[in-house]
Amino acid sequence: MISAEQLRIFEEQGAVTIDTPLTTKEIAAAATAIDALLPFKPAEPNQAPRFRYGATCNYYEPALLDLIQHPFFEAVAKRVLRADAGRFFQTAILASYPQPESEFSYDQHTDIQYSLEDWAATPRRVVCSFFLWLTDVNKRRAPMMHRPGSHRLVAAARSADPVLKDATPGVQGIKMVDLPPEYAAPQPVLAQAGQVTVLTTSMVHGGSTNIDDEPRKVLVMTYTAAGVAIGLPENQAATKRAYDAKLRELLRPERAHLVAED
């Protein structure tokens, strides 16, 4: 479970890395599933090689579904969201393979933005995101780069806009470049395999290059409070509807409430 101090760090900084009750066998099984789903592919002739691979809401491997429906993540999400009940929102898998002789670089963006009122609500009108690390993440192995506390600055700016203040939050990637000095300098998210980073993707963050000699693999799981509306682009909404319908068939009966239709 997330402690009061860890929750405080999440609220202030936008991200906190915590231990999980998952076994090394569960983590290894999930990593193996990602190896099969997202293998490294040599470049085709006259094409640049790809080192980053991902998939969203289109996989049903038992090793991954066991983690998506694990009670630990629902319990943490409910506490973060100040909610009596939680709902599964989306999932993604990401693999970042070593890039020989590359320079370290990273992206900076938000995936969604909230107002201060969204954060103050009970339950919170935000998405709780989990990045479950299936490999160790060091400063060279494609760490997520984030600006601690930036979600609060983004929320203050949104609250100051009368058009956005009361708008339903929606998923929309926004590049965040040339930020003013009040935004903290980017910091890497470091973790050991089996740990999870609880974060908000309204914090300025982004992926980085893998200049290490081993791949980085992560399972992303997101949750909302029951009854809270979060907007999605129509293509993502359609994918979510289809995925939720399949999960209702595949999740254990006692976990099927995660994809209940509110």
Protein backbone atom coordinates (compact mmCIF):
# COMPACT_ATOMS: atom_id res chain seq x y z
CA MET A 1 0.00 0.00 0.00
CA ILE A 2 1.06 3.60 -0.46
CA SER A 3 2.02 5.35 2.78
CA ALA A 4 0.93 8.81 3.88
CA GLU A 5 4.43 10.13 3.17
CA GLN A 6 4.50 8.56 -0.29
CA LEU A 7 1.08 10.03 -1.02
CA ARG A 8 2.36 13.46 0.03
CA ILE A 9 5.30 13.12 -2.36
CA PHE A 10 2.95 12.14 -5.18
CA GLU A 11 0.73 15.13 -4.53
CA GLU A 12 3.63 17.57 -4.35
CA GLN A 13 5.96 16.19 -7.01
CA GLY A 14 3.61 14.27 -9.31
CA ALA A 15 5.43 10.94 -9.03
CA VAL A 16 6.60 8.53 -6.36
CA THR A 17 8.17 5.08 -6.69
CA ILE A 18 7.00 2.42 -4.24
CA ASP A 19 7.49 -1.27 -3.59
CA THR A 20 4.88 -3.83 -4.66
CA PRO A 21 3.93 -7.27 -3.34
CA LEU A 22 4.65 -8.86 -6.73
CA THR A 23 6.96 -11.85 -6.90
CA THR A 24 10.04 -12.15 -9.08
CA LYS A 25 8.19 -14.90 -10.97
CA GLU A 26 5.29 -12.57 -11.78
CA ILE A 27 7.65 -9.83 -12.97
CA ALA A 28 9.68 -12.27 -15.07
CA ALA A 29 6.53 -13.69 -16.68
CA ALA A 30 5.33 -10.21 -17.63
CA ALA A 31 8.75 -9.31 -19.04
CA THR A 32 8.74 -12.49 -21.12
CA ALA A 33 5.29 -11.61 -22.46
CA ILE A 34 6.56 -8.19 -23.55
CA ASP A 35 9.57 -9.82 -25.22
CA ALA A 36 7.15 -11.81 -27.37
CA LEU A 37 4.82 -8.89 -28.08
CA LEU A 38 7.47 -6.22 -28.70
CA PRO A 39 10.59 -7.88 -30.11
CA PHE A 40 13.45 -5.83 -31.49
CA LYS A 41 13.32 -5.78 -35.28
CA PRO A 42 16.37 -5.04 -37.44
CA ALA A 43 15.89 -2.12 -39.79
CA GLU A 44 14.65 -2.75 -43.31
CA PRO A 45 16.87 -1.55 -46.17
CA ASN A 46 16.86 2.25 -46.49
CA GLN A 47 14.98 2.65 -43.20
CA ALA A 48 16.19 4.00 -39.87
CA PRO A 49 16.25 1.41 -37.07
CA ARG A 50 13.59 1.51 -34.35
CA PHE A 51 14.60 1.18 -30.72
CA ARG A 52 11.30 1.99 -28.99
CA TYR A 53 8.20 -0.20 -29.30
CA GLY A 54 4.79 0.02 -27.69
CA ALA A 55 1.23 -1.26 -27.71
CA THR A 56 -1.97 -0.04 -26.07
CA CYS A 57 -5.06 -2.01 -25.03
CA ASN A 58 -4.60 -4.86 -27.52
CA TYR A 59 -3.05 -7.74 -25.58
CA TYR A 60 -4.54 -10.47 -23.40
CA GLU A 61 -1.57 -12.48 -22.17
CA PRO A 62 -2.41 -14.00 -18.77
CA ALA A 63 0.86 -12.77 -17.24
CA LEU A 64 -0.14 -9.18 -18.06
CA LEU A 65 -3.83 -9.50 -17.20
CA ASP A 66 -2.87 -10.93 -13.80
CA LEU A 67 -1.08 -7.66 -13.06
CA ILE A 68 -3.78 -5.39 -14.49
CA GLN A 69 -6.37 -6.99 -12.20
CA HIS A 70 -4.07 -7.30 -9.16
CA PRO A 71 -5.88 -5.88 -6.08
CA PHE A 72 -2.77 -3.94 -5.01
CA PHE A 73 -3.07 -1.43 -7.84
CA GLU A 74 -6.78 -0.87 -7.30
CA ALA A 75 -6.17 -0.28 -3.59
CA VAL A 76 -3.41 2.26 -4.24
CA ALA A 77 -5.46 3.99 -6.94
CA LYS A 78 -8.45 4.34 -4.62
CA ARG A 79 -6.30 6.03 -2.01
CA VAL A 80 -4.63 8.35 -4.53
CA LEU A 81 -7.99 9.25 -6.05
CA ARG A 82 -9.85 9.52 -2.72
CA ALA A 83 -12.37 7.08 -4.17
CA ASP A 84 -14.60 4.35 -2.77
CA ALA A 85 -14.35 2.38 -6.01
CA GLY A 86 -11.85 2.33 -8.86
CA ARG A 87 -12.15 1.57 -12.56
CA PHE A 88 -9.60 0.38 -15.08
CA PHE A 89 -8.91 3.08 -17.69
CA GLN A 90 -6.12 2.08 -20.08
CA THR A 91 -2.97 -0.01 -20.32
CA ALA A 92 0.18 0.08 -22.44
CA ILE A 93 3.41 -1.86 -22.76
CA LEU A 94 6.70 -0.24 -23.73
CA ALA A 95 10.11 -1.63 -24.61
CA SER A 96 13.17 0.57 -25.13
CA TYR A 97 16.15 -1.22 -26.63
CA PRO A 98 19.79 -0.10 -26.43
CA GLN A 99 20.87 2.51 -28.98
CA PRO A 100 24.58 1.99 -29.59
CA GLU A 101 26.68 5.14 -29.77
CA SER A 102 23.66 7.43 -29.35
CA GLU A 103 23.60 10.58 -27.28
CA PHE A 104 21.21 10.80 -24.36
CA SER A 105 18.08 12.80 -25.21
CA TYR A 106 14.50 12.99 -24.00
CA ASP A 107 11.03 14.30 -24.79
CA GLN A 108 8.90 16.65 -22.64
CA HIS A 109 5.11 16.67 -22.82
CA THR A 110 1.88 16.16 -20.91
CA ASP A 111 -0.69 13.50 -21.83
CA ILE A 112 -3.57 15.23 -20.03
CA GLN A 113 -4.09 18.40 -18.02
CA TYR A 114 -6.27 19.14 -15.00
CA SER A 115 -7.41 22.17 -13.06
CA LEU A 116 -6.78 22.76 -9.37
CA GLU A 117 -10.48 22.02 -8.90
CA ASP A 118 -10.06 18.57 -10.47
CA TRP A 119 -7.30 17.82 -7.96
CA ALA A 120 -9.32 19.17 -5.01
CA ALA A 121 -12.47 17.19 -5.81
CA THR A 122 -13.50 14.05 -3.91
CA PRO A 123 -13.12 11.75 -5.66
CA ARG A 124 -10.39 13.38 -7.69
CA ARG A 125 -11.24 13.97 -11.35
CA VAL A 126 -7.85 12.69 -12.49
CA VAL A 127 -6.23 9.51 -13.81
CA CYS A 128 -3.92 7.54 -11.53
CA SER A 129 -1.10 6.06 -13.61
CA PHE A 130 1.16 3.17 -12.68
CA PHE A 131 4.45 2.48 -14.43
CA LEU A 132 5.36 -1.04 -13.31
CA TRP A 133 9.03 -1.58 -14.05
CA LEU A 134 9.82 -5.07 -15.36
CA THR A 135 13.54 -4.31 -15.58
CA ASP A 136 15.85 -2.19 -13.48
CA VAL A 137 15.92 1.46 -14.60
CA ASN A 138 19.16 3.40 -14.16
CA LYS A 139 20.24 6.80 -15.48
CA ARG A 140 21.35 5.28 -18.78
CA ARG A 141 18.53 2.78 -19.38
CA ALA A 142 15.86 5.05 -20.89
CA PRO A 143 14.60 6.55 -17.62
CA MET A 144 11.45 8.62 -17.76
CA MET A 145 12.47 12.26 -17.37
CA HIS A 146 10.04 14.35 -15.34
CA ARG A 147 9.78 17.84 -13.89
CA PRO A 148 8.74 17.46 -10.23
CA GLY A 149 5.79 19.64 -9.27
CA SER A 150 5.02 20.67 -12.84
CA HIS A 151 1.50 19.22 -12.63
CA ARG A 152 0.66 21.88 -10.04
CA LEU A 153 1.86 24.70 -12.31
CA VAL A 154 -0.11 23.23 -15.22
CA ALA A 155 -3.22 22.98 -13.01
CA ALA A 156 -2.88 26.58 -11.82
CA ALA A 157 -2.66 27.80 -15.42
CA ARG A 158 -5.73 25.76 -16.39
CA SER A 159 -7.72 27.09 -13.41
CA ALA A 160 -6.86 30.64 -14.45
CA ASP A 161 -8.50 30.06 -17.85
CA PRO A 162 -12.31 30.42 -17.54
CA VAL A 163 -12.82 28.19 -20.59
CA LEU A 164 -10.68 25.34 -19.23
CA LYS A 165 -11.33 25.63 -15.49
CA ASP A 166 -14.51 23.53 -15.49
CA ALA A 167 -13.91 21.55 -18.68
CA THR A 168 -13.88 17.75 -18.51
CA PRO A 169 -10.24 16.60 -18.54
CA GLY A 170 -9.30 14.78 -21.72
CA VAL A 171 -6.31 12.83 -23.00
CA GLN A 172 -4.35 15.01 -25.41
CA GLY A 173 -0.60 15.01 -25.88
CA ILE A 174 0.85 18.51 -25.59
CA LYS A 175 4.53 19.25 -26.15
CA MET A 176 6.01 21.30 -23.31
CA VAL A 177 9.09 23.12 -24.56
CA ASP A 178 10.81 26.39 -23.62
CA LEU A 179 9.31 26.24 -20.14
CA PRO A 180 9.75 29.22 -17.80
CA PRO A 181 12.20 29.07 -14.86
CA GLU A 182 9.57 28.13 -12.27
CA TYR A 183 9.43 24.66 -13.80
CA ALA A 184 11.90 22.37 -12.03
CA ALA A 185 14.74 20.86 -14.01
CA PRO A 186 14.05 17.39 -15.46
CA GLN A 187 14.91 14.48 -13.18
CA PRO A 188 15.15 10.76 -14.03
CA VAL A 189 12.76 8.20 -12.57
CA LEU A 190 14.96 5.38 -11.28
CA ALA A 191 13.64 2.04 -10.06
CA GLN A 192 14.30 -1.63 -9.53
CA ALA A 193 12.39 -4.36 -11.33
CA GLY A 194 9.16 -5.02 -9.44
CA GLN A 195 8.77 -1.47 -8.18
CA VAL A 196 6.04 0.80 -9.51
CA THR A 197 6.04 4.54 -10.06
CA VAL A 198 2.70 6.12 -9.18
CA LEU A 199 2.38 9.27 -11.25
CA THR A 200 0.20 11.74 -13.05
CA THR A 201 0.86 12.25 -16.74
CA SER A 202 -0.29 15.85 -16.31
CA MET A 203 3.25 16.30 -14.98
CA VAL A 204 5.73 17.36 -17.65
CA HIS A 205 7.54 14.16 -18.55
CA GLY A 206 8.91 12.15 -21.44
CA GLY A 207 10.80 9.10 -22.58
CA SER A 208 14.56 9.08 -23.10
CA THR A 209 17.08 7.18 -25.18
CA ASN A 210 18.51 3.92 -23.91
CA ILE A 211 22.29 4.32 -23.91
CA ASP A 212 22.74 1.29 -21.63
CA ASP A 213 23.42 -2.28 -22.76
CA GLU A 214 20.11 -3.85 -21.65
CA PRO A 215 16.49 -3.11 -22.67
CA ARG A 216 14.01 -1.33 -20.44
CA LYS A 217 10.53 -2.83 -20.20
CA VAL A 218 7.47 -1.40 -18.47
CA LEU A 219 3.78 -2.18 -18.06
CA VAL A 220 1.59 0.92 -17.77
CA MET A 221 -1.79 0.68 -16.05
CA THR A 222 -4.17 3.56 -15.41
CA TYR A 223 -7.25 3.86 -13.23
CA THR A 224 -9.98 6.40 -12.46
CA ALA A 225 -12.51 6.75 -9.69
CA ALA A 226 -15.85 5.11 -10.49
CA GLY A 227 -18.19 7.61 -12.12
CA VAL A 228 -15.46 10.10 -13.08
CA ALA A 229 -15.46 11.04 -16.77
CA ILE A 230 -12.17 11.42 -18.62
CA GLY A 231 -12.25 12.29 -22.30
CA LEU A 232 -10.46 10.24 -24.95
CA PRO A 233 -9.86 10.82 -28.66
CA GLU A 234 -12.48 8.80 -30.55
CA ASN A 235 -10.01 6.21 -31.82
CA GLN A 236 -8.78 5.57 -28.27
CA ALA A 237 -12.35 5.53 -26.95
CA ALA A 238 -13.33 2.88 -29.49
CA THR A 239 -10.27 0.80 -28.62
CA LYS A 240 -11.10 1.09 -24.91
CA ARG A 241 -14.70 -0.01 -25.44
CA ALA A 242 -13.58 -3.11 -27.31
CA TYR A 243 -10.84 -3.90 -24.80
CA ASP A 244 -13.14 -3.45 -21.81
CA ALA A 245 -15.69 -5.78 -23.39
CA LYS A 246 -13.03 -8.48 -23.80
CA LEU A 247 -11.72 -7.92 -20.26
CA ARG A 248 -15.22 -8.54 -18.90
CA GLU A 249 -14.87 -12.06 -20.30
CA LEU A 250 -11.29 -12.64 -19.17
CA LEU A 251 -10.94 -11.08 -15.72
CA ARG A 252 -11.65 -13.19 -12.68
CA PRO A 253 -15.28 -12.76 -11.54
CA GLU A 254 -14.25 -10.99 -8.34
CA ARG A 255 -12.19 -8.49 -10.37
CA ALA A 256 -14.67 -7.82 -13.19
CA HIS A 257 -15.95 -4.70 -11.42
CA LEU A 258 -12.80 -2.95 -12.69
CA VAL A 259 -14.46 -2.75 -16.11
CA ALA A 260 -18.03 -2.25 -14.90
CA GLU A 261 -20.14 0.15 -16.96
CA ASP A 262 -21.00 3.00 -14.59
